[in-house]
Amino acid sequence: MEMARYGVALTVLVALGLLFVNLWLRVSAQAQKDEARRADVIIILGCAVWPGERPSPSLEARVQHGIVLYQRGMADYIVLSGAIGRYPPAEAEVMRRLAVGHGVPEQSLILDTESRSTIESIQRAGSTMQEHTWNTAIIVSDPFHIYRALMMARDEGIRAWGSPALNSPTYTIPRLRYYYTLREVLAIAHYQFTRLF
């Protein structure tokens, strides 16, 4: 009986280990793919604002990448998503300032200052797309974040492609890349588990 329990426990551990490795590889592979193509809108997912209303390096990297896509004519509109975090103002507002400062016209920017999570950002962006009868989107975020964002977009019925901000320090610095990739794998597992119930 004891051996049977050990066998079951070992099987479960091996299965979880394989699932973990599989998710890690998927997240890492997606992180290196830039699938950007002409779309109706670019969705830039927010992250931390630092004291003094400064964008964190990752936030700045995301916005800069989104601006490049916009300037290349990949979409005519940009959704900036992110509420107030630890420091004001809202992430979307700081992103707006950066975009306008680099020549993006105000009328091309749509701010979502309410979203506090990836899923909220995706859902609100989906609502915005419905209001404007838009069908396609490019999602911009840190590389490790793209896989989960695209998964959520698919679940919300959004046809989207990922375009990672490869110069974000959370990706270019190896120890940060490993940490945040691990965090993403756990976040994906949690998201998939909660979708079952």
C-alpha atoms as a PDB file:
ATOM      1  CA  MET A   1       0.000   0.000   0.000  1.00  0.00           C
ATOM      2  CA  GLU A   2       2.835   2.390   0.914  1.00  0.00           C
ATOM      3  CA  MET A   3       4.640   1.588  -2.341  1.00  0.00           C
ATOM      4  CA  ALA A   4       1.464   2.314  -4.306  1.00  0.00           C
ATOM      5  CA  ARG A   5       1.129   5.723  -2.634  1.00  0.00           C
ATOM      6  CA  TYR A   6       4.766   6.529  -3.361  1.00  0.00           C
ATOM      7  CA  GLY A   7       4.211   5.480  -6.957  1.00  0.00           C
ATOM      8  CA  VAL A   8       1.200   7.765  -7.319  1.00  0.00           C
ATOM      9  CA  ALA A   9       3.066  10.649  -5.687  1.00  0.00           C
ATOM     10  CA  LEU A  10       6.052  10.138  -7.974  1.00  0.00           C
ATOM     11  CA  THR A  11       3.812  10.013 -11.034  1.00  0.00           C
ATOM     12  CA  VAL A  12       2.128  13.268 -10.004  1.00  0.00           C
ATOM     13  CA  LEU A  13       5.489  14.952  -9.413  1.00  0.00           C
ATOM     14  CA  VAL A  14       6.824  13.825 -12.781  1.00  0.00           C
ATOM     15  CA  ALA A  15       3.637  15.020 -14.515  1.00  0.00           C
ATOM     16  CA  LEU A  16       3.868  18.422 -12.801  1.00  0.00           C
ATOM     17  CA  GLY A  17       7.547  18.658 -13.700  1.00  0.00           C
ATOM     18  CA  LEU A  18       6.818  17.925 -17.359  1.00  0.00           C
ATOM     19  CA  LEU A  19       3.997  20.473 -17.352  1.00  0.00           C
ATOM     20  CA  PHE A  20       6.333  23.077 -15.840  1.00  0.00           C
ATOM     21  CA  VAL A  21       9.055  22.424 -18.428  1.00  0.00           C
ATOM     22  CA  ASN A  22       6.522  22.496 -21.257  1.00  0.00           C
ATOM     23  CA  LEU A  23       5.122  25.861 -20.140  1.00  0.00           C
ATOM     24  CA  TRP A  24       8.625  27.285 -19.634  1.00  0.00           C
ATOM     25  CA  LEU A  25       9.596  26.307 -23.186  1.00  0.00           C
ATOM     26  CA  ARG A  26       6.376  27.745 -24.624  1.00  0.00           C
ATOM     27  CA  VAL A  27       6.792  31.052 -22.791  1.00  0.00           C
ATOM     28  CA  SER A  28      10.448  31.279 -23.848  1.00  0.00           C
ATOM     29  CA  ALA A  29       9.697  30.447 -27.482  1.00  0.00           C
ATOM     30  CA  GLN A  30       6.880  33.009 -27.714  1.00  0.00           C
ATOM     31  CA  ALA A  31       9.120  35.616 -26.088  1.00  0.00           C
ATOM     32  CA  GLN A  32      11.421  35.523 -29.107  1.00  0.00           C
ATOM     33  CA  LYS A  33       8.705  35.803 -31.767  1.00  0.00           C
ATOM     34  CA  ASP A  34       7.726  39.146 -33.214  1.00  0.00           C
ATOM     35  CA  GLU A  35       4.488  38.408 -35.042  1.00  0.00           C
ATOM     36  CA  ALA A  36       3.531  42.033 -35.677  1.00  0.00           C
ATOM     37  CA  ARG A  37       1.516  42.635 -38.817  1.00  0.00           C
ATOM     38  CA  ARG A  38      -0.967  45.248 -39.932  1.00  0.00           C
ATOM     39  CA  ALA A  39      -3.820  45.361 -37.404  1.00  0.00           C
ATOM     40  CA  ASP A  40      -6.634  47.612 -36.281  1.00  0.00           C
ATOM     41  CA  VAL A  41      -5.010  48.551 -32.981  1.00  0.00           C
ATOM     42  CA  ILE A  42      -1.860  48.170 -30.888  1.00  0.00           C
ATOM     43  CA  ILE A  43      -2.478  47.242 -27.248  1.00  0.00           C
ATOM     44  CA  ILE A  44       0.367  48.176 -24.891  1.00  0.00           C
ATOM     45  CA  LEU A  45       0.075  46.516 -21.496  1.00  0.00           C
ATOM     46  CA  GLY A  46       1.205  48.637 -18.568  1.00  0.00           C
ATOM     47  CA  CYS A  47       3.617  48.026 -15.734  1.00  0.00           C
ATOM     48  CA  ALA A  48       5.113  49.988 -12.861  1.00  0.00           C
ATOM     49  CA  VAL A  49       5.359  53.742 -12.570  1.00  0.00           C
ATOM     50  CA  TRP A  50       8.290  54.864 -10.410  1.00  0.00           C
ATOM     51  CA  PRO A  51       8.335  57.757  -7.905  1.00  0.00           C
ATOM     52  CA  GLY A  52       8.166  61.194  -9.425  1.00  0.00           C
ATOM     53  CA  GLU A  53       5.745  60.055 -12.143  1.00  0.00           C
ATOM     54  CA  ARG A  54       8.598  58.374 -14.020  1.00  0.00           C
ATOM     55  CA  PRO A  55       8.068  55.305 -16.190  1.00  0.00           C
ATOM     56  CA  SER A  56       9.909  52.209 -15.028  1.00  0.00           C
ATOM     57  CA  PRO A  57      12.478  50.982 -17.589  1.00  0.00           C
ATOM     58  CA  SER A  58      10.135  48.147 -18.591  1.00  0.00           C
ATOM     59  CA  LEU A  59       7.202  50.512 -19.063  1.00  0.00           C
ATOM     60  CA  GLU A  60       9.345  52.797 -21.186  1.00  0.00           C
ATOM     61  CA  ALA A  61      10.599  49.854 -23.272  1.00  0.00           C
ATOM     62  CA  ARG A  62       7.027  48.719 -23.955  1.00  0.00           C
ATOM     63  CA  VAL A  63       5.873  52.178 -24.996  1.00  0.00           C
ATOM     64  CA  GLN A  64       8.930  52.797 -27.172  1.00  0.00           C
ATOM     65  CA  HIS A  65       8.322  49.505 -28.964  1.00  0.00           C
ATOM     66  CA  GLY A  66       4.651  50.326 -29.459  1.00  0.00           C
ATOM     67  CA  ILE A  67       5.593  53.729 -30.881  1.00  0.00           C
ATOM     68  CA  VAL A  68       7.933  52.078 -33.400  1.00  0.00           C
ATOM     69  CA  LEU A  69       5.114  49.779 -34.529  1.00  0.00           C
ATOM     70  CA  TYR A  70       2.755  52.760 -34.857  1.00  0.00           C
ATOM     71  CA  GLN A  71       5.317  54.765 -36.823  1.00  0.00           C
ATOM     72  CA  ARG A  72       5.832  51.795 -39.138  1.00  0.00           C
ATOM     73  CA  GLY A  73       2.118  51.955 -39.944  1.00  0.00           C
ATOM     74  CA  MET A  74       1.218  48.678 -38.249  1.00  0.00           C
ATOM     75  CA  ALA A  75      -1.975  50.228 -36.778  1.00  0.00           C
ATOM     76  CA  ASP A  76      -3.707  53.598 -36.636  1.00  0.00           C
ATOM     77  CA  TYR A  77      -4.601  53.459 -32.932  1.00  0.00           C
ATOM     78  CA  ILE A  78      -2.926  52.511 -29.671  1.00  0.00           C
ATOM     79  CA  VAL A  79      -4.667  51.359 -26.490  1.00  0.00           C
ATOM     80  CA  LEU A  80      -2.616  52.232 -23.393  1.00  0.00           C
ATOM     81  CA  SER A  81      -3.618  50.102 -20.430  1.00  0.00           C
ATOM     82  CA  GLY A  82      -2.856  50.430 -16.737  1.00  0.00           C
ATOM     83  CA  ALA A  83      -4.348  51.874 -13.554  1.00  0.00           C
ATOM     84  CA  ILE A  84      -2.618  53.651 -10.677  1.00  0.00           C
ATOM     85  CA  GLY A  85      -0.193  51.267  -9.002  1.00  0.00           C
ATOM     86  CA  ARG A  86       2.103  51.928  -6.077  1.00  0.00           C
ATOM     87  CA  TYR A  87       2.913  55.412  -7.364  1.00  0.00           C
ATOM     88  CA  PRO A  88       0.665  57.813  -9.289  1.00  0.00           C
ATOM     89  CA  PRO A  89      -0.400  58.664 -11.882  1.00  0.00           C
ATOM     90  CA  ALA A  90      -2.043  55.828 -13.803  1.00  0.00           C
ATOM     91  CA  GLU A  91       0.314  53.767 -15.937  1.00  0.00           C
ATOM     92  CA  ALA A  92      -1.763  54.631 -19.005  1.00  0.00           C
ATOM     93  CA  GLU A  93      -1.287  58.351 -18.352  1.00  0.00           C
ATOM     94  CA  VAL A  94       2.499  58.020 -18.097  1.00  0.00           C
ATOM     95  CA  MET A  95       2.427  55.982 -21.306  1.00  0.00           C
ATOM     96  CA  ARG A  96       0.366  58.713 -22.985  1.00  0.00           C
ATOM     97  CA  ARG A  97       2.945  61.344 -22.063  1.00  0.00           C
ATOM     98  CA  LEU A  98       5.731  59.226 -23.545  1.00  0.00           C
ATOM     99  CA  ALA A  99       3.803  58.568 -26.753  1.00  0.00           C
ATOM    100  CA  VAL A 100       2.796  62.201 -27.270  1.00  0.00           C
ATOM    101  CA  GLY A 101       6.353  63.253 -26.513  1.00  0.00           C
ATOM    102  CA  HIS A 102       7.498  61.069 -29.408  1.00  0.00           C
ATOM    103  CA  GLY A 103       5.027  62.508 -31.863  1.00  0.00           C
ATOM    104  CA  VAL A 104       2.036  60.183 -31.582  1.00  0.00           C
ATOM    105  CA  PRO A 105      -1.116  62.333 -31.973  1.00  0.00           C
ATOM    106  CA  GLU A 106      -3.537  62.377 -29.048  1.00  0.00           C
ATOM    107  CA  GLN A 107      -6.411  61.249 -31.276  1.00  0.00           C
ATOM    108  CA  SER A 108      -4.609  57.990 -31.963  1.00  0.00           C
ATOM    109  CA  LEU A 109      -4.392  57.136 -28.242  1.00  0.00           C
ATOM    110  CA  ILE A 110      -7.070  55.424 -26.167  1.00  0.00           C
ATOM    111  CA  LEU A 111      -6.437  55.289 -22.426  1.00  0.00           C
ATOM    112  CA  ASP A 112      -7.582  52.544 -20.073  1.00  0.00           C
ATOM    113  CA  THR A 113      -6.756  53.868 -16.608  1.00  0.00           C
ATOM    114  CA  GLU A 114      -8.809  51.262 -14.718  1.00  0.00           C
ATOM    115  CA  SER A 115      -7.175  47.902 -15.451  1.00  0.00           C
ATOM    116  CA  ARG A 116      -5.133  46.411 -12.618  1.00  0.00           C
ATOM    117  CA  SER A 117      -4.235  43.050 -14.143  1.00  0.00           C
ATOM    118  CA  THR A 118      -3.473  41.450 -17.473  1.00  0.00           C
ATOM    119  CA  ILE A 119      -6.914  39.898 -17.760  1.00  0.00           C
ATOM    120  CA  GLU A 120      -8.626  43.215 -17.009  1.00  0.00           C
ATOM    121  CA  SER A 121      -6.471  44.936 -19.634  1.00  0.00           C
ATOM    122  CA  ILE A 122      -7.356  42.316 -22.234  1.00  0.00           C
ATOM    123  CA  GLN A 123     -11.064  42.403 -21.392  1.00  0.00           C
ATOM    124  CA  ARG A 124     -11.262  46.197 -21.492  1.00  0.00           C
ATOM    125  CA  ALA A 125      -9.280  46.303 -24.718  1.00  0.00           C
ATOM    126  CA  GLY A 126     -11.716  43.768 -26.146  1.00  0.00           C
ATOM    127  CA  SER A 127     -14.634  46.019 -25.216  1.00  0.00           C
ATOM    128  CA  THR A 128     -12.906  48.991 -26.851  1.00  0.00           C
ATOM    129  CA  MET A 129     -12.359  46.936 -29.994  1.00  0.00           C
ATOM    130  CA  GLN A 130     -16.033  45.992 -30.108  1.00  0.00           C
ATOM    131  CA  GLU A 131     -17.082  49.630 -29.735  1.00  0.00           C
ATOM    132  CA  HIS A 132     -14.928  50.585 -32.714  1.00  0.00           C
ATOM    133  CA  THR A 133     -15.714  47.404 -34.689  1.00  0.00           C
ATOM    134  CA  TRP A 134     -12.020  46.502 -34.720  1.00  0.00           C
ATOM    135  CA  ASN A 135     -11.102  42.887 -35.327  1.00  0.00           C
ATOM    136  CA  THR A 136      -7.338  42.570 -34.956  1.00  0.00           C
ATOM    137  CA  ALA A 137      -4.689  43.690 -32.485  1.00  0.00           C
ATOM    138  CA  ILE A 138      -0.967  43.633 -31.803  1.00  0.00           C
ATOM    139  CA  ILE A 139      -0.184  43.075 -28.127  1.00  0.00           C
ATOM    140  CA  VAL A 140       2.995  44.699 -26.803  1.00  0.00           C
ATOM    141  CA  SER A 141       4.523  43.724 -23.481  1.00  0.00           C
ATOM    142  CA  ASP A 142       7.682  42.271 -21.985  1.00  0.00           C
ATOM    143  CA  PRO A 143       8.730  39.127 -23.870  1.00  0.00           C
ATOM    144  CA  PHE A 144       7.952  36.664 -21.070  1.00  0.00           C
ATOM    145  CA  HIS A 145       4.450  38.156 -20.752  1.00  0.00           C
ATOM    146  CA  ILE A 146       3.344  37.714 -24.371  1.00  0.00           C
ATOM    147  CA  TYR A 147       2.359  34.023 -24.187  1.00  0.00           C
ATOM    148  CA  ARG A 148      -0.146  34.560 -21.362  1.00  0.00           C
ATOM    149  CA  ALA A 149      -1.494  37.791 -22.858  1.00  0.00           C
ATOM    150  CA  LEU A 150      -2.160  36.055 -26.180  1.00  0.00           C
ATOM    151  CA  MET A 151      -3.790  33.116 -24.397  1.00  0.00           C
ATOM    152  CA  MET A 152      -6.139  35.502 -22.602  1.00  0.00           C
ATOM    153  CA  ALA A 153      -6.839  37.401 -25.817  1.00  0.00           C
ATOM    154  CA  ARG A 154      -7.838  34.169 -27.562  1.00  0.00           C
ATOM    155  CA  ASP A 155     -10.104  33.279 -24.648  1.00  0.00           C
ATOM    156  CA  GLU A 156     -11.779  36.695 -25.018  1.00  0.00           C
ATOM    157  CA  GLY A 157     -12.289  36.197 -28.745  1.00  0.00           C
ATOM    158  CA  ILE A 158      -9.627  38.706 -29.801  1.00  0.00           C
ATOM    159  CA  ARG A 159      -7.571  37.934 -32.890  1.00  0.00           C
ATOM    160  CA  ALA A 160      -4.140  39.107 -31.791  1.00  0.00           C
ATOM    161  CA  TRP A 161      -0.426  38.792 -32.472  1.00  0.00           C
ATOM    162  CA  GLY A 162       2.421  39.381 -30.052  1.00  0.00           C
ATOM    163  CA  SER A 163       5.255  41.854 -30.438  1.00  0.00           C
ATOM    164  CA  PRO A 164       7.675  41.749 -27.479  1.00  0.00           C
ATOM    165  CA  ALA A 165       9.689  44.693 -26.187  1.00  0.00           C
ATOM    166  CA  LEU A 166      12.985  42.828 -26.377  1.00  0.00           C
ATOM    167  CA  ASN A 167      15.028  45.672 -24.876  1.00  0.00           C
ATOM    168  CA  SER A 168      13.181  45.592 -21.546  1.00  0.00           C
ATOM    169  CA  PRO A 169      15.691  45.065 -18.714  1.00  0.00           C
ATOM    170  CA  THR A 170      13.468  42.377 -17.202  1.00  0.00           C
ATOM    171  CA  TYR A 171      14.373  40.363 -20.294  1.00  0.00           C
ATOM    172  CA  THR A 172      17.895  41.514 -21.155  1.00  0.00           C
ATOM    173  CA  ILE A 173      19.218  40.880 -17.620  1.00  0.00           C
ATOM    174  CA  PRO A 174      19.431  37.064 -17.263  1.00  0.00           C
ATOM    175  CA  ARG A 175      18.533  36.780 -13.571  1.00  0.00           C
ATOM    176  CA  LEU A 176      15.448  38.948 -14.104  1.00  0.00           C
ATOM    177  CA  ARG A 177      14.476  37.016 -17.221  1.00  0.00           C
ATOM    178  CA  TYR A 178      14.607  33.707 -15.308  1.00  0.00           C
ATOM    179  CA  TYR A 179      12.692  35.142 -12.366  1.00  0.00           C
ATOM    180  CA  TYR A 180       9.918  36.652 -14.458  1.00  0.00           C
ATOM    181  CA  THR A 181       9.674  33.624 -16.730  1.00  0.00           C
ATOM    182  CA  LEU A 182       9.197  31.456 -13.640  1.00  0.00           C
ATOM    183  CA  ARG A 183       6.552  33.858 -12.386  1.00  0.00           C
ATOM    184  CA  GLU A 184       4.781  33.702 -15.739  1.00  0.00           C
ATOM    185  CA  VAL A 185       4.760  29.910 -15.758  1.00  0.00           C
ATOM    186  CA  LEU A 186       3.084  29.929 -12.347  1.00  0.00           C
ATOM    187  CA  ALA A 187       0.652  32.656 -13.449  1.00  0.00           C
ATOM    188  CA  ILE A 188      -0.302  30.643 -16.542  1.00  0.00           C
ATOM    189  CA  ALA A 189      -0.858  27.507 -14.466  1.00  0.00           C
ATOM    190  CA  HIS A 190      -3.045  29.510 -12.069  1.00  0.00           C
ATOM    191  CA  TYR A 191      -5.001  31.076 -14.935  1.00  0.00           C
ATOM    192  CA  GLN A 192      -5.625  27.716 -16.607  1.00  0.00           C
ATOM    193  CA  PHE A 193      -6.638  26.127 -13.301  1.00  0.00           C
ATOM    194  CA  THR A 194      -9.120  28.899 -12.447  1.00  0.00           C
ATOM    195  CA  ARG A 195     -10.670  28.630 -15.932  1.00  0.00           C
ATOM    196  CA  LEU A 196     -11.694  25.060 -15.076  1.00  0.00           C
ATOM    197  CA  PHE A 197     -14.015  26.240 -12.284  1.00  0.00           C
END
